[in-house]
Protein backbone atom coordinates (compact mmCIF):
# COMPACT_ATOMS: atom_id res chain seq x y z
CA MET A 1 0.21 0.08 0.14
CA VAL A 2 1.33 3.35 -1.27
CA GLU A 3 2.25 4.95 2.42
CA GLY A 4 -0.33 8.30 3.13
CA HIS A 5 -2.97 5.84 1.22
CA LEU A 6 -6.78 7.24 2.40
CA GLU A 7 -7.05 4.34 5.04
CA ASN A 8 -4.83 6.44 7.14
CA PRO A 9 -7.08 8.45 9.46
CA HIS A 10 -5.36 11.40 9.90
CA ASP A 11 -5.03 11.54 5.64
CA ARG A 12 -8.89 10.87 5.72
CA PHE A 13 -9.47 13.99 8.34
CA PHE A 14 -7.08 16.18 6.56
CA LYS A 15 -8.83 15.13 3.15
CA ASP A 16 -12.25 16.02 4.85
CA LEU A 17 -11.10 19.51 6.14
CA LEU A 18 -10.26 20.46 2.37
CA GLY A 19 -13.07 19.46 1.11
CA ARG A 20 -15.15 21.70 2.68
CA PRO A 21 -16.40 24.67 1.31
CA GLY A 22 -13.61 27.43 1.32
CA VAL A 23 -11.01 25.75 3.37
CA ALA A 24 -9.05 24.78 0.10
CA ALA A 25 -8.95 28.57 -0.87
CA ASP A 26 -8.09 29.10 3.04
CA PHE A 27 -5.51 26.73 3.20
CA LEU A 28 -3.34 27.87 -0.19
CA ALA A 29 -4.12 31.29 0.71
CA ASN A 30 -2.01 31.28 4.14
CA TYR A 31 0.34 28.26 3.72
CA LEU A 32 1.43 28.63 -0.02
CA PRO A 33 4.71 30.40 -0.57
CA PRO A 34 4.21 34.11 -0.90
CA GLU A 35 6.55 33.90 -4.60
CA LEU A 36 3.36 31.73 -5.70
CA LEU A 37 0.96 33.89 -4.05
CA ALA A 38 2.25 36.55 -5.88
CA HIS A 39 1.42 34.96 -9.16
CA LEU A 40 -1.41 32.79 -8.56
CA ASP A 41 -5.29 33.61 -7.70
CA VAL A 42 -5.92 30.90 -4.94
CA THR A 43 -9.29 32.69 -4.36
CA ASP A 44 -11.32 29.88 -5.96
CA PRO A 45 -9.19 26.43 -6.34
CA GLU A 46 -11.37 23.52 -8.72
CA ALA A 47 -11.33 20.39 -6.77
CA LEU A 48 -9.85 17.56 -9.52
CA SER A 49 -11.38 14.40 -8.57
CA GLY A 50 -8.84 12.43 -9.82
CA THR A 51 -10.72 10.34 -12.74
CA PHE A 52 -8.44 11.63 -14.85
CA VAL A 53 -5.62 9.34 -13.94
CA ASP A 54 -4.89 5.23 -13.27
CA ASP A 55 -6.95 3.34 -10.90
CA ASP A 56 -4.16 2.91 -8.57
CA LEU A 57 -3.75 6.79 -8.10
CA ARG A 58 -7.29 7.43 -8.66
CA GLU A 59 -8.65 7.26 -4.54
CA HIS A 60 -5.60 9.13 -3.62
CA LEU A 61 -5.55 11.91 -5.37
CA SER A 62 -9.21 12.40 -4.81
CA ASP A 63 -9.73 15.93 -3.28
CA ALA A 64 -5.73 16.98 -2.97
CA LEU A 65 -5.84 17.92 -6.74
CA PHE A 66 -6.72 21.70 -7.41
CA ARG A 67 -6.46 23.81 -10.60
CA VAL A 68 -5.96 27.56 -10.11
CA ARG A 69 -5.68 30.99 -12.07
CA ASP A 70 -2.58 32.58 -12.88
CA ARG A 71 -2.96 36.42 -12.03
CA THR A 72 -2.81 37.51 -15.59
CA GLY A 73 -6.19 36.03 -15.87
CA ALA A 74 -5.24 33.41 -18.21
CA ALA A 75 -5.92 29.83 -18.56
CA ALA A 76 -6.28 27.08 -15.50
CA LEU A 77 -2.75 25.95 -15.97
CA VAL A 78 -1.61 25.78 -12.88
CA TYR A 79 -2.58 22.38 -10.50
CA VAL A 80 -1.59 22.60 -6.70
CA LEU A 81 -1.17 18.75 -5.36
CA LEU A 82 -1.43 18.27 -1.81
CA GLU A 83 -0.08 15.58 -0.31
CA HIS A 84 -0.20 15.01 3.38
CA LYS A 85 2.22 12.84 6.16
CA SER A 86 1.58 11.94 9.70
CA THR A 87 5.72 10.77 8.98
CA PRO A 88 8.49 11.22 7.39
CA TRP A 89 8.91 8.94 4.26
CA PRO A 90 11.57 9.16 2.57
CA TRP A 91 10.88 8.26 -0.69
CA THR A 92 7.95 10.93 -1.29
CA PRO A 93 9.67 12.86 -3.80
CA LEU A 94 9.45 10.08 -5.80
CA GLN A 95 5.80 9.39 -4.60
CA LEU A 96 5.16 12.94 -5.48
CA LEU A 97 7.04 12.94 -9.25
CA ARG A 98 4.82 9.89 -10.14
CA TYR A 99 1.52 11.68 -9.56
CA VAL A 100 2.77 14.68 -11.33
CA VAL A 101 3.82 12.36 -14.23
CA ALA A 102 0.28 10.70 -14.37
CA ILE A 103 -1.26 14.02 -14.44
CA TRP A 104 1.18 15.23 -17.08
CA GLU A 105 0.65 11.61 -19.22
CA GLN A 106 -3.11 12.49 -18.93
CA ALA A 107 -2.99 15.84 -20.12
CA ARG A 108 -0.70 14.52 -23.15
CA ARG A 109 -3.43 11.53 -23.94
CA GLU A 110 -6.10 14.66 -24.34
CA GLY A 111 -3.96 16.57 -27.00
CA HIS A 112 -2.49 19.46 -25.36
CA THR A 113 0.12 20.93 -27.04
CA SER A 114 2.15 21.82 -23.43
CA LEU A 115 2.21 20.46 -19.72
CA PRO A 116 0.83 22.02 -17.15
CA VAL A 117 3.06 23.47 -13.81
CA ILE A 118 1.78 21.31 -10.72
CA ILE A 119 3.52 22.47 -7.59
CA PRO A 120 3.62 19.82 -4.68
CA VAL A 121 3.43 20.63 -1.29
CA VAL A 122 3.52 18.14 1.29
CA PHE A 123 1.53 19.24 4.55
CA TYR A 124 3.56 17.52 7.80
CA HIS A 125 2.18 17.10 11.39
CA GLY A 126 4.08 14.18 12.85
CA GLN A 127 5.67 13.50 16.40
CA THR A 128 9.47 13.95 14.59
CA ARG A 129 11.43 16.32 12.35
CA TRP A 130 11.05 15.93 8.69
CA ASN A 131 14.22 14.99 7.94
CA VAL A 132 14.12 13.70 4.36
CA ALA A 133 15.05 14.69 0.98
CA THR A 134 12.45 17.93 -0.39
CA ASP A 135 13.71 16.98 -4.36
CA VAL A 136 14.29 14.08 -5.85
CA ALA A 137 17.87 14.64 -6.29
CA GLY A 138 18.60 13.74 -2.66
CA LEU A 139 17.58 9.80 -3.67
CA VAL A 140 20.12 9.55 -6.45
CA ALA A 141 23.08 8.45 -6.39
CA HIS A 142 26.49 10.67 -7.33
CA HIS A 143 24.19 13.58 -7.75
CA ASP A 144 26.48 16.16 -6.41
CA GLU A 145 29.09 15.27 -9.05
CA PRO A 146 29.52 17.80 -11.51
CA ALA A 147 30.11 15.25 -14.61
CA LEU A 148 26.48 13.48 -13.57
CA ARG A 149 24.35 16.49 -12.49
CA ALA A 150 22.74 17.34 -15.78
CA TRP A 151 21.60 13.94 -15.78
CA THR A 152 19.70 14.31 -12.64
CA PRO A 153 16.09 15.18 -12.54
CA SER A 154 15.72 18.79 -11.25
CA PHE A 155 12.07 18.46 -9.05
CA ARG A 156 11.08 19.58 -5.62
CA TYR A 157 8.34 19.79 -3.17
CA TRP A 158 6.87 22.55 -0.77
CA LEU A 159 7.02 21.76 2.99
CA CYS A 160 4.41 22.67 4.88
CA ASP A 161 5.04 21.64 8.37
CA LEU A 162 2.86 21.94 10.89
CA SER A 163 4.59 19.88 13.70
CA ARG A 164 6.46 23.17 14.07
CA PHE A 165 3.87 26.03 14.07
CA SER A 166 2.95 28.02 17.47
CA PRO A 167 -0.66 28.14 18.10
CA GLU A 168 -0.54 31.99 17.09
CA VAL A 169 1.19 30.91 13.78
CA ILE A 170 -1.61 28.85 12.82
CA LYS A 171 -3.85 30.70 10.43
CA GLY A 172 -6.69 30.82 8.57
CA GLY A 173 -10.85 30.92 9.08
CA ALA A 174 -11.84 29.05 12.08
CA LEU A 175 -12.66 26.01 10.55
CA LEU A 176 -9.33 25.34 9.09
CA ARG A 177 -7.69 27.04 12.27
CA ALA A 178 -10.01 24.46 13.95
CA GLY A 179 -8.57 21.70 11.86
CA LEU A 180 -5.29 22.04 11.69
CA SER A 181 -4.87 22.42 15.35
CA VAL A 182 -6.69 19.26 15.86
CA LEU A 183 -3.56 17.60 13.40
CA ARG A 184 -0.82 19.98 15.13
CA TYR A 185 -1.73 18.99 18.51
CA VAL A 186 -3.01 15.12 18.06
CA PHE A 187 0.23 13.86 18.76
CA THR A 188 1.47 15.99 21.75
CA ASP A 189 0.69 15.93 25.32
CA GLU A 190 -1.14 19.23 25.03
CA LEU A 191 -3.82 18.18 23.30
CA PRO A 192 -6.29 17.64 26.30
CA GLU A 193 -5.53 21.13 27.21
CA ARG A 194 -5.93 22.70 23.71
CA LEU A 195 -9.22 21.28 23.52
CA ARG A 196 -10.91 24.06 24.76
CA GLU A 197 -9.40 26.37 21.96
CA ILE A 198 -10.46 23.97 19.25
CA PHE A 199 -14.25 23.84 20.65
CA GLN A 200 -14.08 27.78 20.51
CA LEU A 201 -13.17 27.33 16.89
CA ILE A 202 -15.87 25.17 16.34
CA ALA A 203 -18.53 27.21 18.22
CA LEU A 204 -17.80 30.08 15.72
CA LEU A 205 -19.35 28.25 13.10
CA GLU A 206 -23.02 27.76 11.77
CA GLN A 207 -25.15 25.78 14.59
CA GLN A 208 -25.28 23.35 12.01
CA SER A 209 -21.84 22.63 11.53
CA VAL A 210 -21.00 22.72 15.15
CA THR A 211 -22.21 19.42 15.68
CA GLU A 212 -21.85 18.20 12.53
CA TYR A 213 -17.81 19.37 12.96
CA LEU A 214 -17.83 18.16 16.36
CA GLY A 215 -18.69 14.75 15.78
CA THR A 216 -15.85 14.62 12.97
CA VAL A 217 -13.72 15.62 15.41
CA LEU A 218 -14.12 12.97 18.12
CA ARG A 219 -14.13 10.15 15.48
CA TYR A 220 -11.09 11.34 14.30
CA LEU A 221 -9.77 11.76 17.67
CA ALA A 222 -11.38 7.78 18.48
CA ALA A 223 -9.89 6.43 15.44
CA THR A 224 -5.87 7.47 16.55
CA GLY A 225 -6.24 6.27 19.61
CA THR A 226 -5.84 9.61 21.53
CA PRO A 227 -5.60 8.69 25.50
CA LEU A 228 -8.15 11.94 26.02
CA ARG A 229 -10.52 11.06 29.22
CA TRP A 230 -14.40 11.60 28.29
CA GLN A 231 -14.45 14.19 31.49
CA THR A 232 -11.75 16.08 29.65
CA VAL A 233 -13.62 16.14 26.75
CA LYS A 234 -16.79 17.43 28.16
CA THR A 235 -15.23 20.11 30.65
CA ALA A 236 -13.45 21.53 27.38
CA ALA A 237 -16.69 20.91 25.53
CA ARG A 238 -18.74 22.83 28.45
CA GLU A 239 -16.34 25.84 28.98
CA ALA A 240 -15.88 26.76 24.84
CA LEU A 241 -19.61 25.65 23.36
CA LYS A 242 -21.68 27.19 27.17
CA GLU A 243 -25.10 26.03 27.02
CA GLN A 244 -24.67 23.91 23.64
CA ALA A 245 -22.62 21.53 25.70
CA GLU A 246 -24.56 19.63 27.87
CA ALA A 247 -26.79 18.80 24.87
CA LEU A 248 -24.41 17.96 22.41
CA MET A 249 -22.12 15.67 25.33
CA LYS A 250 -25.28 13.44 25.58
CA ALA A 251 -25.81 13.23 21.60
CA PRO A 252 -26.31 9.93 20.65
CA PHE A 253 -23.57 9.90 18.13
CA VAL A 254 -21.15 11.47 20.76
CA THR A 255 -20.93 8.97 23.41
CA GLU A 256 -21.08 5.82 20.65
CA ILE A 257 -18.34 7.57 18.86
CA TRP A 258 -16.16 7.63 22.75
CA GLN A 259 -17.88 4.14 23.73
CA GLU A 260 -16.44 2.63 20.22
CA ALA A 261 -12.99 4.51 20.65
CA LEU A 262 -12.91 2.75 24.34
CA ALA A 263 -13.54 -0.34 22.82
CA GLN A 264 -11.13 -0.22 20.37
CA GLY A 265 -7.75 0.62 23.11
CA LEU A 266 -9.29 -2.31 25.16
CA GLU A 267 -9.33 -4.64 22.60
CA GLN A 268 -5.81 -3.60 21.62
CA GLY A 269 -5.04 -3.89 25.34
CA ARG A 270 -5.88 -7.17 25.95
CA GLU A 271 -3.93 -8.14 22.71
CA GLN A 272 -1.49 -6.89 24.40
CA GLY A 273 -1.60 -8.33 27.69
CA HIS A 274 -1.78 -11.57 26.07
CA ALA A 275 1.53 -11.29 23.76
CA GLN A 276 3.58 -8.99 26.27
CA GLY A 277 1.98 -10.57 29.62
CA SER A 278 2.65 -6.76 31.17
CA GLU A 279 1.73 -4.90 33.88
CA GLN A 280 -0.68 -2.24 32.24
CA GLY A 281 -2.08 -5.29 29.81
CA LYS A 282 -3.26 -7.43 32.19
CA ARG A 283 -5.82 -4.35 34.14
CA LEU A 284 -6.61 -3.22 30.49
CA GLU A 285 -7.53 -7.13 30.06
CA ALA A 286 -9.73 -6.86 33.36
CA LEU A 287 -10.94 -3.91 31.70
CA HIS A 288 -13.03 -5.00 29.09
CA ILE A 289 -14.18 -7.84 30.96
CA VAL A 290 -15.61 -5.84 33.72
CA LEU A 291 -16.95 -3.55 31.34
CA ARG A 292 -18.53 -6.69 29.17
CA GLN A 293 -19.92 -8.16 32.14
CA LEU A 294 -21.81 -5.02 33.81
CA ARG A 295 -22.87 -4.09 30.37
CA ARG A 296 -24.53 -7.54 30.53
CA ARG A 297 -26.40 -7.05 34.07
CA VAL A 298 -26.83 -3.34 33.72
CA GLY A 299 -27.09 -2.25 30.35
CA PRO A 300 -25.62 0.48 28.01
CA LEU A 301 -23.02 2.25 30.72
CA PRO A 302 -22.46 6.31 30.98
CA PRO A 303 -19.86 7.43 29.74
CA GLU A 304 -18.47 8.93 32.95
CA LEU A 305 -18.93 5.77 34.36
CA GLU A 306 -16.75 4.08 31.72
CA SER A 307 -13.87 6.70 32.02
CA THR A 308 -14.12 6.73 35.41
CA LEU A 309 -13.25 2.62 35.30
CA THR A 310 -10.23 3.40 33.00
CA THR A 311 -8.46 4.94 36.47
CA PHE A 312 -8.99 1.45 38.53
CA PRO A 313 -5.61 -0.36 39.19
CA LEU A 314 -5.84 -4.12 38.25
CA GLU A 315 -7.11 -5.48 42.14
CA THR A 316 -9.94 -2.91 42.59
CA LEU A 317 -11.06 -3.78 38.55
CA GLU A 318 -10.87 -7.92 40.21
CA ALA A 319 -12.79 -6.87 42.99
CA LEU A 320 -15.78 -5.49 40.73
CA SER A 321 -15.83 -8.30 38.64
CA GLU A 322 -16.76 -10.29 41.38
CA ALA A 323 -19.22 -7.61 43.30
CA LEU A 324 -21.16 -7.49 40.15
CA LEU A 325 -22.42 -10.50 39.66
CA ASP A 326 -25.20 -9.22 42.84
CA PHE A 327 -26.02 -6.01 40.74
CA GLN A 328 -29.59 -5.61 39.42
CA THR A 329 -29.69 -1.87 38.22
CA GLN A 330 -27.70 0.67 36.91
CA ALA A 331 -27.85 2.23 40.09
CA GLU A 332 -25.88 -0.22 42.10
CA ALA A 333 -23.13 -0.66 39.76
CA LEU A 334 -22.94 3.25 40.17
CA ALA A 335 -23.22 3.46 43.95
CA TRP A 336 -20.38 0.31 44.04
CA VAL A 337 -18.10 2.41 41.44
CA GLN A 338 -18.37 5.75 43.42
CA GLN A 339 -17.37 4.16 46.70
CA ALA A 340 -14.29 2.52 45.64
CA GLN A 341 -13.04 5.48 43.78
CA HIS A 342 -12.95 7.26 47.16
CA GLN A 343 -10.99 4.66 48.11
CA THR A 344 -8.53 4.33 45.15
CA PRO A 345 -5.82 6.35 44.57
CA PRO A 346 -5.94 7.94 40.67
CA ARG A 347 -3.82 5.76 38.92
CA ALA A 348 -0.26 7.25 37.75
CA GLU A 349 -0.50 7.58 33.47
């Protein structure tokens, strides 16, 4: 599979962001190099579906290729190719060159007498520094030797390294800044404290968009396995979204997202426990069993209760697995958990 395929949740989230009305123009206007913006009109970029390339590239290029005009008003012969990366990949120049050649081949088949200019932009938001070549020459052996330099292709891309941006450098409208802030902090310990700022940006959207985009952000965070507590999310939403917060946090799609995320994390921990025999793996496996037993005994559990159980050590979870056999109602389960919570010191992360 090509690195950066749309199955990647980071890639999906970035492509979803660019596909929203006005966001691609906002991104290009704020993040292309000044020398390009002086020459290009990016106020109304035309998203190209990718249907003009072969099947192998079609899905990847969908919503990632934009046609813009130059400032003279001439025919739109400049394409901006956006490629997302969450980890440095040494073969990125070759990957992008392949995309560019595929677009040029299609132009040739359509009878064009010249090839369009294509500006490749790599958007990066990973944890480590981008330490790989930004041009094809960097991949070619002996490319620095004068006698061989003329036979080395001159092809480079523009790197937009969001991971190095401070909060005040993230520019654009509310929707773009919210999406980029999520991508900026998803890999960092700062994410919990930045949630309120992100939700404040989402609150600036139209009412219908607030609910919809909050769900998109939560689904993305759930898909990435980000270790966020439900109470942290609720507190940030309450501070940022005010009177909308309670209704939103109780919406079925919101609680379902978080329950699915918790289940995924527990299943991963259960597998790790079997493979490694680690104490943490055993604790997560016990948590998985307790939650499954509780749901069978008293029905669906409130997210707050599930979040509290994730803080319990192994011995408390084992005690609960025995006690829950006597529970008849959700109230009995909640009472036991609340009592245990007061007796159990917080678990170190």
